Amino acid sequence: MEIASTRLISRFGFMVIFTVMIVLLANHHFAYSLPPVEDIPEEILRTEVITIARSPIDGKPLSAAEYAQLQAKIQNAPPPKLDSSIRETIFLIQLLRTLRTMFPFLNFF
């Protein structure tokens, strides 16, 4: 009886070791997906002070001072005024879209 149980334990141990080896060998390719050692971690990049920027208007590179001036200028600029007939046309188009969404079976135009 002891010999049978010893064989069972040794077979079970062999199966566990064999299974672990298969899993490790099958998953070794995941180590290749790690970033290269010389790559700077994102946590460090987040703490860096950004001293250059791009213009939101034309995409040209700007210094930090020029970017701050441009942002202040954009915020202080009044919104462009539209002609009342254009505003009315836009409102009617939006109303027509809403009505078509609510009543798709009606043909307005």
PDB file of N, CA and C in Angstrom:
ATOM      1  N   MET A   1       0.811  -1.185   0.000  1.00  0.00           N
ATOM      2  CA  MET A   1       0.000   0.000   0.000  1.00  0.00           C
ATOM      3  C   MET A   1       0.861   1.257   0.000  1.00  0.00           C
ATOM      4  N   GLU A   2       1.951   1.202   0.761  1.00  0.00           N
ATOM      5  CA  GLU A   2       2.845   2.353   0.807  1.00  0.00           C
ATOM      6  C   GLU A   2       3.510   2.590  -0.530  1.00  0.00           C
ATOM      7  N   ILE A   3       3.849   1.512  -1.207  1.00  0.00           N
ATOM      8  CA  ILE A   3       4.519   1.637  -2.500  1.00  0.00           C
ATOM      9  C   ILE A   3       3.576   2.278  -3.517  1.00  0.00           C
ATOM     10  N   ALA A   4       2.293   1.906  -3.494  1.00  0.00           N
ATOM     11  CA  ALA A   4       1.317   2.472  -4.427  1.00  0.00           C
ATOM     12  C   ALA A   4       1.114   3.957  -4.150  1.00  0.00           C
ATOM     13  N   SER A   5       1.022   4.320  -2.879  1.00  0.00           N
ATOM     14  CA  SER A   5       0.829   5.736  -2.552  1.00  0.00           C
ATOM     15  C   SER A   5       2.080   6.550  -2.882  1.00  0.00           C
ATOM     16  N   THR A   6       3.255   5.950  -2.715  1.00  0.00           N
ATOM     17  CA  THR A   6       4.497   6.642  -3.063  1.00  0.00           C
ATOM     18  C   THR A   6       4.570   6.872  -4.563  1.00  0.00           C
ATOM     19  N   ARG A   7       4.163   5.875  -5.336  1.00  0.00           N
ATOM     20  CA  ARG A   7       4.145   6.036  -6.794  1.00  0.00           C
ATOM     21  C   ARG A   7       3.162   7.130  -7.208  1.00  0.00           C
ATOM     22  N   LEU A   8       2.001   7.151  -6.549  1.00  0.00           N
ATOM     23  CA  LEU A   8       0.990   8.152  -6.865  1.00  0.00           C
ATOM     24  C   LEU A   8       1.517   9.556  -6.569  1.00  0.00           C
ATOM     25  N   ILE A   9       2.174   9.701  -5.425  1.00  0.00           N
ATOM     26  CA  ILE A   9       2.733  11.005  -5.062  1.00  0.00           C
ATOM     27  C   ILE A   9       3.830  11.401  -6.034  1.00  0.00           C
ATOM     28  N   SER A  10       4.695  10.458  -6.387  1.00  0.00           N
ATOM     29  CA  SER A  10       5.783  10.790  -7.310  1.00  0.00           C
ATOM     30  C   SER A  10       5.235  11.113  -8.699  1.00  0.00           C
ATOM     31  N   ARG A  11       4.193  10.403  -9.129  1.00  0.00           N
ATOM     32  CA  ARG A  11       3.582  10.715 -10.430  1.00  0.00           C
ATOM     33  C   ARG A  11       2.899  12.085 -10.383  1.00  0.00           C
ATOM     34  N   PHE A  12       2.214  12.337  -9.270  1.00  0.00           N
ATOM     35  CA  PHE A  12       1.541  13.627  -9.120  1.00  0.00           C
ATOM     36  C   PHE A  12       2.570  14.759  -9.113  1.00  0.00           C
ATOM     37  N   GLY A  13       3.667  14.574  -8.400  1.00  0.00           N
ATOM     38  CA  GLY A  13       4.733  15.576  -8.371  1.00  0.00           C
ATOM     39  C   GLY A  13       5.331  15.781  -9.748  1.00  0.00           C
ATOM     40  N   PHE A  14       5.544  14.687 -10.475  1.00  0.00           N
ATOM     41  CA  PHE A  14       6.075  14.787 -11.832  1.00  0.00           C
ATOM     42  C   PHE A  14       5.108  15.557 -12.728  1.00  0.00           C
ATOM     43  N   MET A  15       3.811  15.294 -12.581  1.00  0.00           N
ATOM     44  CA  MET A  15       2.817  15.983 -13.405  1.00  0.00           C
ATOM     45  C   MET A  15       2.787  17.476 -13.085  1.00  0.00           C
ATOM     46  N   VAL A  16       2.921  17.814 -11.804  1.00  0.00           N
ATOM     47  CA  VAL A  16       2.927  19.229 -11.418  1.00  0.00           C
ATOM     48  C   VAL A  16       4.149  19.922 -12.007  1.00  0.00           C
ATOM     49  N   ILE A  17       5.311  19.315 -11.860  1.00  0.00           N
ATOM     50  CA  ILE A  17       6.541  19.902 -12.396  1.00  0.00           C
ATOM     51  C   ILE A  17       6.455  20.011 -13.918  1.00  0.00           C
ATOM     52  N   PHE A  18       5.947  18.980 -14.564  1.00  0.00           N
ATOM     53  CA  PHE A  18       5.811  18.989 -16.018  1.00  0.00           C
ATOM     54  C   PHE A  18       4.857  20.105 -16.461  1.00  0.00           C
ATOM     55  N   THR A  19       3.740  20.263 -15.762  1.00  0.00           N
ATOM     56  CA  THR A  19       2.763  21.302 -16.098  1.00  0.00           C
ATOM     57  C   THR A  19       3.366  22.691 -15.914  1.00  0.00           C
ATOM     58  N   VAL A  20       4.092  22.888 -14.831  1.00  0.00           N
ATOM     59  CA  VAL A  20       4.721  24.189 -14.586  1.00  0.00           C
ATOM     60  C   VAL A  20       5.734  24.501 -15.678  1.00  0.00           C
ATOM     61  N   MET A  21       6.502  23.517 -16.081  1.00  0.00           N
ATOM     62  CA  MET A  21       7.491  23.733 -17.136  1.00  0.00           C
ATOM     63  C   MET A  21       6.810  24.090 -18.454  1.00  0.00           C
ATOM     64  N   ILE A  22       5.723  23.409 -18.771  1.00  0.00           N
ATOM     65  CA  ILE A  22       4.990  23.701 -20.010  1.00  0.00           C
ATOM     66  C   ILE A  22       4.452  25.133 -19.977  1.00  0.00           C
ATOM     67  N   VAL A  23       3.874  25.523 -18.849  1.00  0.00           N
ATOM     68  CA  VAL A  23       3.319  26.879 -18.732  1.00  0.00           C
ATOM     69  C   VAL A  23       4.423  27.917 -18.875  1.00  0.00           C
ATOM     70  N   LEU A  24       5.551  27.693 -18.222  1.00  0.00           N
ATOM     71  CA  LEU A  24       6.655  28.649 -18.308  1.00  0.00           C
ATOM     72  C   LEU A  24       7.226  28.721 -19.718  1.00  0.00           C
ATOM     73  N   LEU A  25       7.361  27.601 -20.364  1.00  0.00           N
ATOM     74  CA  LEU A  25       7.897  27.604 -21.722  1.00  0.00           C
ATOM     75  C   LEU A  25       6.911  28.206 -22.717  1.00  0.00           C
ATOM     76  N   ALA A  26       5.635  28.007 -22.475  1.00  0.00           N
ATOM     77  CA  ALA A  26       4.628  28.530 -23.397  1.00  0.00           C
ATOM     78  C   ALA A  26       4.472  30.043 -23.258  1.00  0.00           C
ATOM     79  N   ASN A  27       4.769  30.588 -22.088  1.00  0.00           N
ATOM     80  CA  ASN A  27       4.539  32.010 -21.850  1.00  0.00           C
ATOM     81  C   ASN A  27       5.815  32.836 -21.856  1.00  0.00           C
ATOM     82  N   HIS A  28       6.913  32.293 -22.309  1.00  0.00           N
ATOM     83  CA  HIS A  28       8.158  33.055 -22.286  1.00  0.00           C
ATOM     84  C   HIS A  28       8.143  34.228 -23.260  1.00  0.00           C
ATOM     85  N   HIS A  29       7.281  34.185 -24.266  1.00  0.00           N
ATOM     86  CA  HIS A  29       7.252  35.263 -25.254  1.00  0.00           C
ATOM     87  C   HIS A  29       6.681  36.552 -24.682  1.00  0.00           C
ATOM     88  N   PHE A  30       5.989  36.494 -23.528  1.00  0.00           N
ATOM     89  CA  PHE A  30       5.455  37.712 -22.930  1.00  0.00           C
ATOM     90  C   PHE A  30       6.572  38.613 -22.420  1.00  0.00           C
ATOM     91  N   ALA A  31       7.711  38.067 -22.105  1.00  0.00           N
ATOM     92  CA  ALA A  31       8.831  38.883 -21.648  1.00  0.00           C
ATOM     93  C   ALA A  31       9.356  39.768 -22.767  1.00  0.00           C
ATOM     94  N   TYR A  32       9.138  39.391 -24.004  1.00  0.00           N
ATOM     95  CA  TYR A  32       9.600  40.211 -25.114  1.00  0.00           C
ATOM     96  C   TYR A  32       8.772  41.481 -25.271  1.00  0.00           C
ATOM     97  N   SER A  33       7.592  41.537 -24.698  1.00  0.00           N
ATOM     98  CA  SER A  33       6.745  42.709 -24.857  1.00  0.00           C
ATOM     99  C   SER A  33       7.087  43.818 -23.871  1.00  0.00           C
ATOM    100  N   LEU A  34       8.061  43.616 -23.013  1.00  0.00           N
ATOM    101  CA  LEU A  34       8.476  44.664 -22.097  1.00  0.00           C
ATOM    102  C   LEU A  34       9.204  45.762 -22.865  1.00  0.00           C
ATOM    103  N   PRO A  35       9.119  47.016 -22.377  1.00  0.00           N
ATOM    104  CA  PRO A  35       9.819  48.093 -23.084  1.00  0.00           C
ATOM    105  C   PRO A  35      11.326  47.946 -22.936  1.00  0.00           C
ATOM    106  N   PRO A  36      12.082  48.532 -23.846  1.00  0.00           N
ATOM    107  CA  PRO A  36      13.538  48.441 -23.734  1.00  0.00           C
ATOM    108  C   PRO A  36      14.037  49.152 -22.477  1.00  0.00           C
ATOM    109  N   VAL A  37      15.194  48.766 -22.012  1.00  0.00           N
ATOM    110  CA  VAL A  37      15.746  49.303 -20.771  1.00  0.00           C
ATOM    111  C   VAL A  37      16.016  50.800 -20.898  1.00  0.00           C
ATOM    112  N   GLU A  38      16.426  51.261 -22.075  1.00  0.00           N
ATOM    113  CA  GLU A  38      16.757  52.674 -22.241  1.00  0.00           C
ATOM    114  C   GLU A  38      15.522  53.565 -22.371  1.00  0.00           C
ATOM    115  N   ASP A  39      14.322  52.991 -22.427  1.00  0.00           N
ATOM    116  CA  ASP A  39      13.088  53.752 -22.531  1.00  0.00           C
ATOM    117  C   ASP A  39      12.795  54.444 -21.199  1.00  0.00           C
ATOM    118  N   ILE A  40      12.439  55.736 -21.244  1.00  0.00           N
ATOM    119  CA  ILE A  40      12.161  56.504 -20.026  1.00  0.00           C
ATOM    120  C   ILE A  40      10.742  56.180 -19.564  1.00  0.00           C
ATOM    121  N   PRO A  41      10.552  55.820 -18.281  1.00  0.00           N
ATOM    122  CA  PRO A  41       9.210  55.494 -17.785  1.00  0.00           C
ATOM    123  C   PRO A  41       8.267  56.700 -17.855  1.00  0.00           C
ATOM    124  N   GLU A  42       6.988  56.415 -18.008  1.00  0.00           N
ATOM    125  CA  GLU A  42       5.991  57.471 -18.137  1.00  0.00           C
ATOM    126  C   GLU A  42       5.899  58.322 -16.877  1.00  0.00           C
ATOM    127  N   GLU A  43       6.121  57.726 -15.718  1.00  0.00           N
ATOM    128  CA  GLU A  43       6.048  58.467 -14.464  1.00  0.00           C
ATOM    129  C   GLU A  43       7.090  59.581 -14.431  1.00  0.00           C
ATOM    130  N   ILE A  44       8.259  59.317 -14.974  1.00  0.00           N
ATOM    131  CA  ILE A  44       9.307  60.337 -15.007  1.00  0.00           C
ATOM    132  C   ILE A  44       8.970  61.395 -16.050  1.00  0.00           C
ATOM    133  N   LEU A  45       8.437  60.975 -17.179  1.00  0.00           N
ATOM    134  CA  LEU A  45       8.083  61.935 -18.222  1.00  0.00           C
ATOM    135  C   LEU A  45       6.979  62.884 -17.761  1.00  0.00           C
ATOM    136  N   ARG A  46       6.066  62.412 -16.919  1.00  0.00           N
ATOM    137  CA  ARG A  46       4.986  63.266 -16.427  1.00  0.00           C
ATOM    138  C   ARG A  46       5.500  64.374 -15.526  1.00  0.00           C
ATOM    139  N   THR A  47       6.629  64.160 -14.857  1.00  0.00           N
ATOM    140  CA  THR A  47       7.144  65.166 -13.935  1.00  0.00           C
ATOM    141  C   THR A  47       8.012  66.202 -14.629  1.00  0.00           C
ATOM    142  N   GLU A  48       8.335  65.997 -15.905  1.00  0.00           N
ATOM    143  CA  GLU A  48       9.162  66.963 -16.617  1.00  0.00           C
ATOM    144  C   GLU A  48       8.356  68.221 -16.928  1.00  0.00           C
ATOM    145  N   VAL A  49       9.011  69.365 -16.830  1.00  0.00           N
ATOM    146  CA  VAL A  49       8.378  70.635 -17.140  1.00  0.00           C
ATOM    147  C   VAL A  49       8.446  70.844 -18.651  1.00  0.00           C
ATOM    148  N   ILE A  50       7.295  71.095 -19.243  1.00  0.00           N
ATOM    149  CA  ILE A  50       7.224  71.288 -20.689  1.00  0.00           C
ATOM    150  C   ILE A  50       7.535  72.751 -20.991  1.00  0.00           C
ATOM    151  N   THR A  51       8.554  72.993 -21.789  1.00  0.00           N
ATOM    152  CA  THR A  51       8.959  74.365 -22.103  1.00  0.00           C
ATOM    153  C   THR A  51       8.649  74.754 -23.539  1.00  0.00           C
ATOM    154  N   ILE A  52       8.185  73.833 -24.348  1.00  0.00           N
ATOM    155  CA  ILE A  52       7.807  74.160 -25.720  1.00  0.00           C
ATOM    156  C   ILE A  52       6.372  73.716 -25.941  1.00  0.00           C
ATOM    157  N   ALA A  53       5.702  74.386 -26.852  1.00  0.00           N
ATOM    158  CA  ALA A  53       4.311  74.039 -27.147  1.00  0.00           C
ATOM    159  C   ALA A  53       4.048  74.344 -28.614  1.00  0.00           C
ATOM    160  N   ARG A  54       2.888  73.943 -29.072  1.00  0.00           N
ATOM    161  CA  ARG A  54       2.468  74.228 -30.445  1.00  0.00           C
ATOM    162  C   ARG A  54       1.248  75.140 -30.403  1.00  0.00           C
ATOM    163  N   SER A  55       1.197  76.014 -31.366  1.00  0.00           N
ATOM    164  CA  SER A  55       0.091  76.957 -31.457  1.00  0.00           C
ATOM    165  C   SER A  55      -1.193  76.211 -31.805  1.00  0.00           C
ATOM    166  N   PRO A  56      -2.297  76.479 -31.091  1.00  0.00           N
ATOM    167  CA  PRO A  56      -3.562  75.826 -31.449  1.00  0.00           C
ATOM    168  C   PRO A  56      -4.156  76.382 -32.746  1.00  0.00           C
ATOM    169  N   ILE A  57      -3.630  77.493 -33.214  1.00  0.00           N
ATOM    170  CA  ILE A  57      -4.167  78.113 -34.428  1.00  0.00           C
ATOM    171  C   ILE A  57      -3.532  77.523 -35.680  1.00  0.00           C
ATOM    172  N   ASP A  58      -2.191  77.543 -35.734  1.00  0.00           N
ATOM    173  CA  ASP A  58      -1.519  77.079 -36.947  1.00  0.00           C
ATOM    174  C   ASP A  58      -0.525  75.952 -36.713  1.00  0.00           C
ATOM    175  N   GLY A  59      -0.321  75.511 -35.474  1.00  0.00           N
ATOM    176  CA  GLY A  59       0.542  74.372 -35.190  1.00  0.00           C
ATOM    177  C   GLY A  59       2.024  74.689 -35.165  1.00  0.00           C
ATOM    178  N   LYS A  60       2.402  75.953 -35.200  1.00  0.00           N
ATOM    179  CA  LYS A  60       3.820  76.317 -35.164  1.00  0.00           C
ATOM    180  C   LYS A  60       4.364  76.151 -33.745  1.00  0.00           C
ATOM    181  N   PRO A  61       5.646  75.782 -33.608  1.00  0.00           N
ATOM    182  CA  PRO A  61       6.229  75.662 -32.268  1.00  0.00           C
ATOM    183  C   PRO A  61       6.364  77.031 -31.605  1.00  0.00           C
ATOM    184  N   LEU A  62       6.033  77.086 -30.313  1.00  0.00           N
ATOM    185  CA  LEU A  62       6.098  78.320 -29.537  1.00  0.00           C
ATOM    186  C   LEU A  62       6.858  78.068 -28.247  1.00  0.00           C
ATOM    187  N   SER A  63       7.415  79.135 -27.684  1.00  0.00           N
ATOM    188  CA  SER A  63       8.016  79.012 -26.357  1.00  0.00           C
ATOM    189  C   SER A  63       6.889  79.066 -25.327  1.00  0.00           C
ATOM    190  N   ALA A  64       7.222  78.812 -24.071  1.00  0.00           N
ATOM    191  CA  ALA A  64       6.201  78.801 -23.020  1.00  0.00           C
ATOM    192  C   ALA A  64       5.582  80.184 -22.854  1.00  0.00           C
ATOM    193  N   ALA A  65       6.398  81.236 -22.938  1.00  0.00           N
ATOM    194  CA  ALA A  65       5.881  82.600 -22.781  1.00  0.00           C
ATOM    195  C   ALA A  65       4.960  82.968 -23.944  1.00  0.00           C
ATOM    196  N   GLU A  66       5.367  82.627 -25.160  1.00  0.00           N
ATOM    197  CA  GLU A  66       4.528  82.921 -26.329  1.00  0.00           C
ATOM    198  C   GLU A  66       3.209  82.162 -26.262  1.00  0.00           C
ATOM    199  N   TYR A  67       3.263  80.918 -25.777  1.00  0.00           N
ATOM    200  CA  TYR A  67       2.040  80.117 -25.654  1.00  0.00           C
ATOM    201  C   TYR A  67       1.096  80.736 -24.627  1.00  0.00           C
ATOM    202  N   ALA A  68       1.634  81.198 -23.493  1.00  0.00           N
ATOM    203  CA  ALA A  68       0.803  81.831 -22.460  1.00  0.00           C
ATOM    204  C   ALA A  68       0.168  83.106 -22.998  1.00  0.00           C
ATOM    205  N   GLN A  69       0.927  83.901 -23.758  1.00  0.00           N
ATOM    206  CA  GLN A  69       0.376  85.119 -24.345  1.00  0.00           C
ATOM    207  C   GLN A  69      -0.736  84.791 -25.334  1.00  0.00           C
ATOM    208  N   LEU A  70      -0.531  83.779 -26.140  1.00  0.00           N
ATOM    209  CA  LEU A  70      -1.539  83.388 -27.125  1.00  0.00           C
ATOM    210  C   LEU A  70      -2.808  82.884 -26.443  1.00  0.00           C
ATOM    211  N   GLN A  71      -2.661  82.105 -25.379  1.00  0.00           N
ATOM    212  CA  GLN A  71      -3.833  81.618 -24.645  1.00  0.00           C
ATOM    213  C   GLN A  71      -4.611  82.780 -24.033  1.00  0.00           C
ATOM    214  N   ALA A  72      -3.905  83.761 -23.459  1.00  0.00           N
ATOM    215  CA  ALA A  72      -4.578  84.926 -22.884  1.00  0.00           C
ATOM    216  C   ALA A  72      -5.298  85.718 -23.969  1.00  0.00           C
ATOM    217  N   LYS A  73      -4.670  85.847 -25.127  1.00  0.00           N
ATOM    218  CA  LYS A  73      -5.277  86.575 -26.241  1.00  0.00           C
ATOM    219  C   LYS A  73      -6.536  85.864 -26.736  1.00  0.00           C
ATOM    220  N   ILE A  74      -6.480  84.538 -26.807  1.00  0.00           N
ATOM    221  CA  ILE A  74      -7.641  83.764 -27.267  1.00  0.00           C
ATOM    222  C   ILE A  74      -8.790  83.873 -26.271  1.00  0.00           C
ATOM    223  N   GLN A  75      -8.480  83.830 -24.968  1.00  0.00           N
ATOM    224  CA  GLN A  75      -9.531  83.890 -23.950  1.00  0.00           C
ATOM    225  C   GLN A  75     -10.182  85.265 -23.895  1.00  0.00           C
ATOM    226  N   ASN A  76      -9.424  86.324 -24.158  1.00  0.00           N
ATOM    227  CA  ASN A  76      -9.964  87.680 -24.087  1.00  0.00           C
ATOM    228  C   ASN A  76     -10.664  88.109 -25.365  1.00  0.00           C
ATOM    229  N   ALA A  77     -10.496  87.394 -26.437  1.00  0.00           N
ATOM    230  CA  ALA A  77     -11.109  87.770 -27.713  1.00  0.00           C
ATOM    231  C   ALA A  77     -12.616  87.535 -27.649  1.00  0.00           C
ATOM    232  N   PRO A  78     -13.405  88.503 -28.132  1.00  0.00           N
ATOM    233  CA  PRO A  78     -14.861  88.293 -28.136  1.00  0.00           C
ATOM    234  C   PRO A  78     -15.245  87.251 -29.181  1.00  0.00           C
ATOM    235  N   PRO A  79     -16.319  86.528 -28.940  1.00  0.00           N
ATOM    236  CA  PRO A  79     -16.735  85.525 -29.930  1.00  0.00           C
ATOM    237  C   PRO A  79     -17.186  86.218 -31.221  1.00  0.00           C
ATOM    238  N   PRO A  80     -16.937  85.607 -32.351  1.00  0.00           N
ATOM    239  CA  PRO A  80     -17.343  86.236 -33.613  1.00  0.00           C
ATOM    240  C   PRO A  80     -18.865  86.290 -33.718  1.00  0.00           C
ATOM    241  N   LYS A  81     -19.358  87.409 -34.257  1.00  0.00           N
ATOM    242  CA  LYS A  81     -20.805  87.600 -34.383  1.00  0.00           C
ATOM    243  C   LYS A  81     -21.256  87.114 -35.754  1.00  0.00           C
ATOM    244  N   LEU A  82     -22.383  86.400 -35.750  1.00  0.00           N
ATOM    245  CA  LEU A  82     -22.970  85.921 -36.998  1.00  0.00           C
ATOM    246  C   LEU A  82     -24.143  86.808 -37.384  1.00  0.00           C
ATOM    247  N   ASP A  83     -24.395  86.879 -38.650  1.00  0.00           N
ATOM    248  CA  ASP A  83     -25.551  87.602 -39.151  1.00  0.00           C
ATOM    249  C   ASP A  83     -26.817  86.902 -38.651  1.00  0.00           C
ATOM    250  N   SER A  84     -27.858  87.659 -38.382  1.00  0.00           N
ATOM    251  CA  SER A  84     -29.082  87.069 -37.824  1.00  0.00           C
ATOM    252  C   SER A  84     -29.725  86.076 -38.791  1.00  0.00           C
ATOM    253  N   SER A  85     -29.616  86.294 -40.093  1.00  0.00           N
ATOM    254  CA  SER A  85     -30.210  85.353 -41.050  1.00  0.00           C
ATOM    255  C   SER A  85     -29.452  84.019 -41.040  1.00  0.00           C
ATOM    256  N   ILE A  86     -28.129  84.071 -40.855  1.00  0.00           N
ATOM    257  CA  ILE A  86     -27.346  82.833 -40.777  1.00  0.00           C
ATOM    258  C   ILE A  86     -27.700  82.078 -39.503  1.00  0.00           C
ATOM    259  N   ARG A  87     -27.836  82.822 -38.381  1.00  0.00           N
ATOM    260  CA  ARG A  87     -28.219  82.177 -37.121  1.00  0.00           C
ATOM    261  C   ARG A  87     -29.592  81.509 -37.243  1.00  0.00           C
ATOM    262  N   GLU A  88     -30.526  82.179 -37.896  1.00  0.00           N
ATOM    263  CA  GLU A  88     -31.864  81.617 -38.075  1.00  0.00           C
ATOM    264  C   GLU A  88     -31.814  80.365 -38.951  1.00  0.00           C
ATOM    265  N   THR A  89     -31.012  80.380 -40.011  1.00  0.00           N
ATOM    266  CA  THR A  89     -30.874  79.218 -40.891  1.00  0.00           C
ATOM    267  C   THR A  89     -30.295  78.028 -40.132  1.00  0.00           C
ATOM    268  N   ILE A  90     -29.276  78.266 -39.314  1.00  0.00           N
ATOM    269  CA  ILE A  90     -28.675  77.189 -38.514  1.00  0.00           C
ATOM    270  C   ILE A  90     -29.694  76.623 -37.541  1.00  0.00           C
ATOM    271  N   PHE A  91     -30.480  77.502 -36.905  1.00  0.00           N
ATOM    272  CA  PHE A  91     -31.511  77.028 -35.981  1.00  0.00           C
ATOM    273  C   PHE A  91     -32.535  76.156 -36.701  1.00  0.00           C
ATOM    274  N   LEU A  92     -32.961  76.573 -37.886  1.00  0.00           N
ATOM    275  CA  LEU A  92     -33.955  75.793 -38.623  1.00  0.00           C
ATOM    276  C   LEU A  92     -33.398  74.439 -39.068  1.00  0.00           C
ATOM    277  N   ILE A  93     -32.124  74.396 -39.446  1.00  0.00           N
ATOM    278  CA  ILE A  93     -31.501  73.118 -39.826  1.00  0.00           C
ATOM    279  C   ILE A  93     -31.443  72.181 -38.622  1.00  0.00           C
ATOM    280  N   GLN A  94     -31.081  72.727 -37.452  1.00  0.00           N
ATOM    281  CA  GLN A  94     -31.040  71.897 -36.243  1.00  0.00           C
ATOM    282  C   GLN A  94     -32.434  71.404 -35.871  1.00  0.00           C
ATOM    283  N   LEU A  95     -33.432  72.259 -36.029  1.00  0.00           N
ATOM    284  CA  LEU A  95     -34.812  71.861 -35.744  1.00  0.00           C
ATOM    285  C   LEU A  95     -35.265  70.764 -36.706  1.00  0.00           C
ATOM    286  N   LEU A  96     -34.911  70.906 -37.981  1.00  0.00           N
ATOM    287  CA  LEU A  96     -35.266  69.898 -38.978  1.00  0.00           C
ATOM    288  C   LEU A  96     -34.617  68.552 -38.657  1.00  0.00           C
ATOM    289  N   ARG A  97     -33.348  68.562 -38.253  1.00  0.00           N
ATOM    290  CA  ARG A  97     -32.665  67.315 -37.868  1.00  0.00           C
ATOM    291  C   ARG A  97     -33.358  66.655 -36.682  1.00  0.00           C
ATOM    292  N   THR A  98     -33.733  67.458 -35.705  1.00  0.00           N
ATOM    293  CA  THR A  98     -34.411  66.914 -34.528  1.00  0.00           C
ATOM    294  C   THR A  98     -35.753  66.300 -34.913  1.00  0.00           C
ATOM    295  N   LEU A  99     -36.505  66.993 -35.751  1.00  0.00           N
ATOM    296  CA  LEU A  99     -37.803  66.464 -36.173  1.00  0.00           C
ATOM    297  C   LEU A  99     -37.648  65.190 -36.993  1.00  0.00           C
ATOM    298  N   ARG A 100     -36.611  65.113 -37.837  1.00  0.00           N
ATOM    299  CA  ARG A 100     -36.374  63.891 -38.610  1.00  0.00           C
ATOM    300  C   ARG A 100     -35.996  62.727 -37.699  1.00  0.00           C
ATOM    301  N   THR A 101     -35.299  63.027 -36.611  1.00  0.00           N
ATOM    302  CA  THR A 101     -34.948  61.971 -35.660  1.00  0.00           C
ATOM    303  C   THR A 101     -36.191  61.457 -34.946  1.00  0.00           C
ATOM    304  N   MET A 102     -37.069  62.374 -34.582  1.00  0.00           N
ATOM    305  CA  MET A 102     -38.266  61.985 -33.836  1.00  0.00           C
ATOM    306  C   MET A 102     -39.335  61.374 -34.743  1.00  0.00           C
ATOM    307  N   PHE A 103     -39.443  61.883 -35.968  1.00  0.00           N
ATOM    308  CA  PHE A 103     -40.457  61.412 -36.904  1.00  0.00           C
ATOM    309  C   PHE A 103     -39.800  61.033 -38.230  1.00  0.00           C
ATOM    310  N   PRO A 104     -39.153  59.872 -38.303  1.00  0.00           N
ATOM    311  CA  PRO A 104     -38.429  59.509 -39.529  1.00  0.00           C
ATOM    312  C   PRO A 104     -39.347  59.198 -40.712  1.00  0.00           C
ATOM    313  N   PHE A 105     -40.610  58.928 -40.449  1.00  0.00           N
ATOM    314  CA  PHE A 105     -41.527  58.567 -41.525  1.00  0.00           C
ATOM    315  C   PHE A 105     -42.078  59.791 -42.254  1.00  0.00           C
ATOM    316  N   LEU A 106     -41.887  61.000 -41.704  1.00  0.00           N
ATOM    317  CA  LEU A 106     -42.346  62.217 -42.369  1.00  0.00           C
ATOM    318  C   LEU A 106     -41.260  62.727 -43.303  1.00  0.00           C
ATOM    319  N   ASN A 107     -41.651  63.151 -44.482  1.00  0.00           N
ATOM    320  CA  ASN A 107     -40.707  63.733 -45.438  1.00  0.00           C
ATOM    321  C   ASN A 107     -40.892  65.243 -45.430  1.00  0.00           C
ATOM    322  N   PHE A 108     -39.942  65.942 -44.826  1.00  0.00           N
ATOM    323  CA  PHE A 108     -40.038  67.395 -44.769  1.00  0.00           C
ATOM    324  C   PHE A 108     -39.562  68.021 -46.075  1.00  0.00           C
ATOM    325  N   PHE A 109     -38.554  67.423 -46.681  1.00  0.00           N
ATOM    326  CA  PHE A 109     -38.034  67.913 -47.963  1.00  0.00           C
ATOM    327  C   PHE A 109     -37.496  66.764 -48.734  1.00  0.00           C
TER     328      PHE A 109
END
